[in-house]
Protein backbone atom coordinates (compact mmCIF):
# COMPACT_ATOMS: atom_id res chain seq x y z
CA MET A 1 20.72 -123.58 208.48
CA ARG A 2 21.70 -126.90 206.98
CA PRO A 3 19.52 -128.01 204.03
CA PRO A 4 17.60 -131.31 204.38
CA SER A 5 19.33 -134.51 203.26
CA PRO A 6 18.40 -135.91 199.85
CA SER A 7 15.41 -138.28 199.90
CA ILE A 8 15.83 -142.05 199.45
CA PRO A 9 14.36 -142.07 195.89
CA GLU A 10 16.67 -139.18 194.98
CA LYS A 11 19.69 -141.11 196.31
CA GLU A 12 18.73 -144.29 194.46
CA PHE A 13 18.16 -142.43 191.21
CA PHE A 14 21.51 -140.67 191.56
CA TYR A 15 23.49 -143.85 192.33
CA ASN A 16 21.85 -145.78 189.46
CA SER A 17 22.62 -142.95 187.04
CA VAL A 18 26.27 -142.63 188.09
CA LYS A 19 26.76 -146.40 187.76
CA GLU A 20 25.92 -145.97 184.08
CA SER A 21 28.34 -143.00 183.82
CA LEU A 22 25.43 -140.56 183.59
CA ARG A 23 25.43 -137.38 185.68
CA LEU A 24 22.33 -135.35 186.43
CA ASP A 25 23.70 -132.27 184.65
CA GLY A 26 24.58 -134.26 181.51
CA ARG A 27 28.34 -134.40 182.01
CA GLN A 28 30.66 -137.39 181.69
CA PRO A 29 32.35 -138.64 184.92
CA MET A 30 35.65 -136.94 183.99
CA GLU A 31 34.20 -133.73 182.58
CA ILE A 32 34.42 -130.44 184.45
CA ARG A 33 31.88 -127.66 184.17
CA THR A 34 32.88 -125.01 181.62
CA PRO A 35 34.84 -122.29 183.45
CA ILE A 36 33.81 -118.70 182.70
CA LEU A 37 36.22 -115.89 183.62
CA THR A 38 34.90 -112.32 183.76
CA PHE A 39 37.42 -109.49 184.25
CA GLY A 40 36.51 -106.18 185.85
CA ALA A 41 37.63 -102.67 184.96
CA ASP A 42 40.34 -102.79 187.65
CA LEU A 43 43.38 -105.01 187.13
CA GLY A 44 43.27 -107.96 189.51
CA TRP A 45 39.43 -108.17 189.63
CA VAL A 46 38.17 -111.55 188.37
CA GLU A 47 34.87 -113.39 188.70
CA CYS A 48 35.02 -117.13 188.04
CA SER A 49 32.02 -119.36 187.40
CA LEU A 50 31.86 -123.17 187.34
CA GLY A 51 28.24 -123.84 186.48
CA LYS A 52 26.28 -121.97 189.15
CA THR A 53 29.23 -121.84 191.56
CA ARG A 54 30.61 -118.29 191.50
CA VAL A 55 33.64 -116.78 193.24
CA LEU A 56 34.94 -113.22 193.01
CA ALA A 57 38.69 -112.63 193.50
CA GLN A 58 40.39 -109.27 193.95
CA VAL A 59 44.10 -108.47 194.37
CA GLU A 60 45.32 -105.25 195.96
CA GLY A 61 48.90 -104.13 196.59
CA LYS A 62 50.48 -101.68 199.01
CA MET A 63 54.00 -100.90 200.23
CA VAL A 64 54.94 -102.04 203.74
CA LYS A 65 58.06 -102.66 205.81
CA PRO A 66 59.12 -106.35 205.62
CA PRO A 67 59.62 -108.49 208.74
CA PRO A 68 63.26 -108.60 209.91
CA GLU A 69 63.55 -112.36 209.32
CA ARG A 70 62.66 -111.96 205.59
CA PRO A 71 64.00 -108.57 204.50
CA PHE A 72 64.25 -109.46 200.77
CA GLU A 73 60.76 -110.92 200.23
CA GLY A 74 57.37 -109.37 199.64
CA MET A 75 54.26 -110.62 201.42
CA ILE A 76 51.07 -112.30 200.24
CA THR A 77 47.98 -112.74 202.39
CA ILE A 78 44.80 -114.57 201.39
CA HIS A 79 41.49 -113.58 202.95
CA SER A 80 38.33 -115.59 202.29
CA GLU A 81 34.98 -115.72 203.99
CA ILE A 82 31.90 -117.70 202.99
CA SER A 83 28.87 -115.55 203.81
CA PRO A 84 25.16 -116.52 203.74
CA MET A 85 25.11 -114.99 200.24
CA ALA A 86 26.68 -118.22 198.93
CA SER A 87 24.22 -120.52 200.69
CA SER A 88 21.82 -120.42 203.62
CA GLU A 89 23.82 -123.16 205.40
CA TYR A 90 26.67 -120.72 206.18
CA GLU A 91 26.48 -118.41 209.16
CA PRO A 92 28.24 -115.02 209.44
CA GLY A 93 31.08 -114.90 211.95
CA ARG A 94 31.21 -118.67 212.43
CA PRO A 95 33.60 -120.42 209.99
CA SER A 96 32.31 -123.79 208.84
CA ASP A 97 34.52 -126.87 208.40
CA GLU A 98 34.36 -126.42 204.62
CA GLU A 99 35.47 -122.79 204.91
CA VAL A 100 38.48 -123.76 207.06
CA THR A 101 39.42 -126.50 204.57
CA ILE A 102 39.14 -124.15 201.59
CA THR A 103 41.19 -121.41 203.29
CA ARG A 104 43.99 -123.82 204.23
CA MET A 105 44.07 -125.38 200.77
CA LEU A 106 44.20 -121.98 199.05
CA ASP A 107 47.07 -120.98 201.32
CA LYS A 108 49.00 -124.11 200.30
CA VAL A 109 48.19 -123.85 196.57
CA LEU A 110 48.62 -120.11 195.93
CA LYS A 111 51.06 -119.05 198.65
CA ARG A 112 53.24 -121.92 199.87
CA SER A 113 53.76 -123.42 196.41
CA ASP A 114 55.69 -120.23 195.49
CA ALA A 115 53.45 -119.51 192.52
CA VAL A 116 54.44 -115.82 192.85
CA ASP A 117 58.11 -114.83 193.06
CA LYS A 118 58.20 -113.07 196.44
CA GLU A 119 61.73 -111.71 195.94
CA SER A 120 60.52 -109.75 192.89
CA LEU A 121 58.16 -107.89 195.27
CA CYS A 122 61.12 -106.37 197.14
CA ILE A 123 61.61 -102.63 196.48
CA LEU A 124 64.27 -101.64 199.02
CA ALA A 125 65.80 -104.46 201.07
CA GLY A 126 64.68 -104.34 204.70
CA GLN A 127 62.70 -101.13 204.21
CA ARG A 128 60.03 -101.41 201.51
CA VAL A 129 58.31 -104.41 199.89
CA TRP A 130 54.98 -105.00 198.17
CA HIS A 131 52.25 -106.58 200.27
CA LEU A 132 49.65 -108.32 198.08
CA ARG A 133 46.22 -109.06 199.54
CA LEU A 134 44.04 -111.59 197.71
CA THR A 135 40.40 -111.36 198.80
CA LEU A 136 37.92 -114.06 197.78
CA HIS A 137 34.16 -113.50 197.94
CA PHE A 138 31.99 -116.60 197.55
CA LEU A 139 28.87 -115.50 195.70
CA SER A 140 27.09 -118.80 195.07
CA ASP A 141 27.66 -122.39 196.20
CA ALA A 142 26.54 -125.05 193.73
CA GLY A 143 29.30 -127.48 194.71
CA ASN A 144 33.11 -127.59 194.50
CA MET A 145 33.86 -124.05 195.66
CA LEU A 146 37.51 -124.97 196.25
CA ASP A 147 38.37 -125.49 192.56
CA CYS A 148 36.45 -122.36 191.57
CA ALA A 149 38.20 -120.26 194.24
CA CYS A 150 41.64 -121.56 193.25
CA LEU A 151 41.01 -120.76 189.58
CA ALA A 152 39.71 -117.29 190.45
CA GLY A 153 42.70 -116.62 192.72
CA ILE A 154 45.44 -117.60 190.23
CA ALA A 155 43.64 -115.77 187.40
CA ALA A 156 43.45 -112.62 189.55
CA LEU A 157 47.18 -112.80 190.36
CA LYS A 158 48.05 -113.17 186.66
CA HIS A 159 45.67 -110.33 185.76
CA PHE A 160 47.00 -107.93 188.41
CA ARG A 161 49.55 -105.23 187.56
CA ARG A 162 51.51 -103.33 190.20
CA PRO A 163 52.67 -99.73 189.74
CA ASP A 164 56.19 -99.17 188.43
CA VAL A 165 58.64 -98.07 191.11
CA GLU A 166 61.90 -96.12 190.78
CA VAL A 167 64.54 -96.26 193.52
CA ILE A 168 67.30 -93.65 193.73
CA GLY A 169 69.41 -94.13 196.86
CA ASP A 170 66.90 -94.41 199.71
CA GLU A 171 64.21 -92.47 197.86
CA VAL A 172 61.32 -94.51 196.42
CA THR A 173 59.10 -93.04 193.70
CA VAL A 174 55.84 -94.78 192.77
CA HIS A 175 54.72 -93.89 189.24
CA GLU A 176 51.05 -93.54 188.37
CA PRO A 177 49.67 -95.81 185.61
CA THR A 178 49.32 -92.71 183.40
CA GLU A 179 53.09 -92.05 183.68
CA ARG A 180 54.45 -95.58 183.33
CA ALA A 181 52.73 -98.82 182.35
CA PRO A 182 51.99 -101.08 185.38
CA ILE A 183 54.13 -104.22 185.73
CA PRO A 184 52.73 -107.81 185.90
CA LEU A 185 53.72 -110.08 188.77
CA ALA A 186 56.53 -112.59 188.28
CA ILE A 187 54.64 -115.90 188.25
CA HIS A 188 56.77 -119.05 188.63
CA HIS A 189 54.02 -121.48 187.71
CA THR A 190 50.23 -121.64 187.46
CA PRO A 191 48.71 -124.25 189.82
CA PHE A 192 45.13 -125.46 189.38
CA CYS A 193 43.05 -127.47 191.82
CA PHE A 194 40.86 -130.45 190.87
CA THR A 195 38.50 -132.24 193.24
CA PHE A 196 37.36 -135.83 192.69
CA ALA A 197 34.43 -137.49 194.48
CA PHE A 198 34.47 -141.20 195.41
CA PHE A 199 31.62 -143.47 196.51
CA HIS A 200 31.23 -146.53 198.76
CA ASP A 201 30.06 -148.73 195.88
CA PRO A 202 33.20 -149.84 193.93
CA SER A 203 31.12 -150.16 190.75
CA ILE A 204 30.55 -146.39 190.73
CA PRO A 205 33.44 -144.57 189.00
CA PRO A 206 35.01 -141.47 190.58
CA ILE A 207 33.79 -138.13 189.22
CA ILE A 208 35.58 -134.82 188.79
CA ASP A 209 34.20 -131.40 189.78
CA PRO A 210 31.22 -132.66 191.85
CA ASN A 211 28.18 -130.43 192.16
CA GLN A 212 26.41 -129.87 195.47
CA LEU A 213 24.31 -133.07 195.39
CA GLU A 214 27.24 -135.22 194.22
CA GLN A 215 29.44 -133.75 196.95
CA ARG A 216 26.82 -134.45 199.60
CA LEU A 217 26.29 -138.08 198.55
CA SER A 218 29.99 -138.89 198.06
CA ALA A 219 31.95 -141.08 200.48
CA GLY A 220 35.16 -139.06 200.17
CA LEU A 221 36.86 -136.24 198.28
CA LEU A 222 40.38 -136.09 196.87
CA SER A 223 41.76 -132.66 195.93
CA ILE A 224 44.87 -132.36 193.74
CA ALA A 225 46.70 -129.13 192.94
CA LEU A 226 49.21 -129.19 190.08
CA ASN A 227 50.35 -127.20 187.06
CA ALA A 228 50.52 -127.88 183.33
CA GLN A 229 54.20 -128.91 183.69
CA ARG A 230 53.18 -132.05 185.66
CA GLU A 231 54.47 -130.63 188.96
CA LEU A 232 52.35 -131.77 191.90
CA CYS A 233 51.84 -129.03 194.51
CA VAL A 234 49.29 -130.39 196.98
CA LEU A 235 47.35 -133.65 197.37
CA GLN A 236 44.67 -133.62 200.04
CA LYS A 237 42.28 -136.39 201.09
CA LEU A 238 40.14 -135.82 204.15
CA GLY A 239 38.84 -139.22 205.25
CA GLY A 240 36.38 -141.22 203.19
CA VAL A 241 36.87 -144.49 201.32
CA PRO A 242 40.44 -145.90 201.06
CA LEU A 243 42.16 -145.63 197.68
CA ALA A 244 44.83 -147.86 196.15
CA ALA A 245 48.06 -146.34 194.81
CA ASP A 246 47.18 -147.11 191.18
CA GLU A 247 43.80 -145.36 191.60
CA VAL A 248 45.55 -142.24 192.86
CA MET A 249 48.06 -142.34 189.99
CA SER A 250 45.29 -142.64 187.39
CA ILE A 251 43.54 -139.64 188.98
CA VAL A 252 46.78 -137.62 188.86
CA THR A 253 47.19 -138.45 185.14
CA ILE A 254 43.68 -137.16 184.43
CA ALA A 255 44.33 -134.01 186.51
CA VAL A 256 47.50 -133.26 184.49
CA GLN A 257 45.50 -133.30 181.25
CA LYS A 258 42.80 -131.08 182.76
CA ALA A 259 45.47 -128.65 184.02
CA LYS A 260 46.85 -128.26 180.49
CA GLU A 261 43.36 -127.54 179.15
CA LEU A 262 42.59 -125.06 181.93
CA ASN A 263 45.92 -123.29 181.45
CA LYS A 264 45.03 -122.66 177.78
CA VAL A 265 41.62 -121.28 178.77
CA VAL A 266 43.14 -118.85 181.32
CA GLU A 267 45.89 -117.65 178.96
CA THR A 268 43.39 -117.14 176.11
CA ARG A 269 41.01 -115.12 178.30
CA LEU A 270 43.87 -112.98 179.69
CA LYS A 271 45.06 -112.18 176.16
CA GLU A 272 41.52 -111.30 175.06
CA ASP A 273 41.04 -108.99 178.04
CA TRP A 274 44.43 -107.30 177.62
CA ALA A 275 43.80 -106.77 173.88
CA GLY A 276 40.58 -104.93 174.72
CA ARG A 277 42.24 -102.55 177.19
CA LYS A 278 43.64 -99.17 176.27
CA VAL A 279 46.80 -98.25 178.12
CA GLU A 280 47.84 -94.63 177.74
CA VAL A 281 51.24 -93.51 179.00
CA ARG A 282 51.71 -89.76 178.95
């Protein structure tokens, strides 16, 4: 069930506030909500919160036979489904337009950008490779689920550890975590996604990380995925108001700075979590 549209007084109040660079939650136009990463007991289990938007990411690995056309590469699949738990406007079994957009964007950002070294997932060429499955559960939708899901997904991949494997001839031995310490994935780079909302009125500045009301009243969204090394992975704009080249470049410059800040947050939280874990190898 789709929620009712914002009332006219609510729209007018919102537009007048944004014109003065004031957002209803107290943020500046180019200020993202503080990300909170919560790690579970299992490696690869991460819950990410951006304000009241919450996404749970979980990575699991198993050994499979690779396809004949790619015998030296492991496989990564991303599964995401937005259930009515996130919001009453989503229906089970019927993917919404937003869900399709988020799934495609996550596939481009986390899989096609080669964030994970797939060749390092090969165990025995043509016979055994690691198949990683990233599952995303959307727990609450308070706007901008894409950025939250992307952050949760990359944090889960960096947090995950696969079992150590020993290969002698054609014999593959998988060691338990109690025998040998699990091995982290080989990550090439860490992409982050940032969504900007634009409005019909040119006097209203663009805003980053829009909440649900801002997203609903915007005239267009621009999503940029890049890493802290200034490498652009994906730029997606689905309709909306036209943008000049210099506007896009200024947005990219802001996104680069935000990516550097977010990268520090993720690395700090990963170190804190790993320091609190006890790894016993017998």
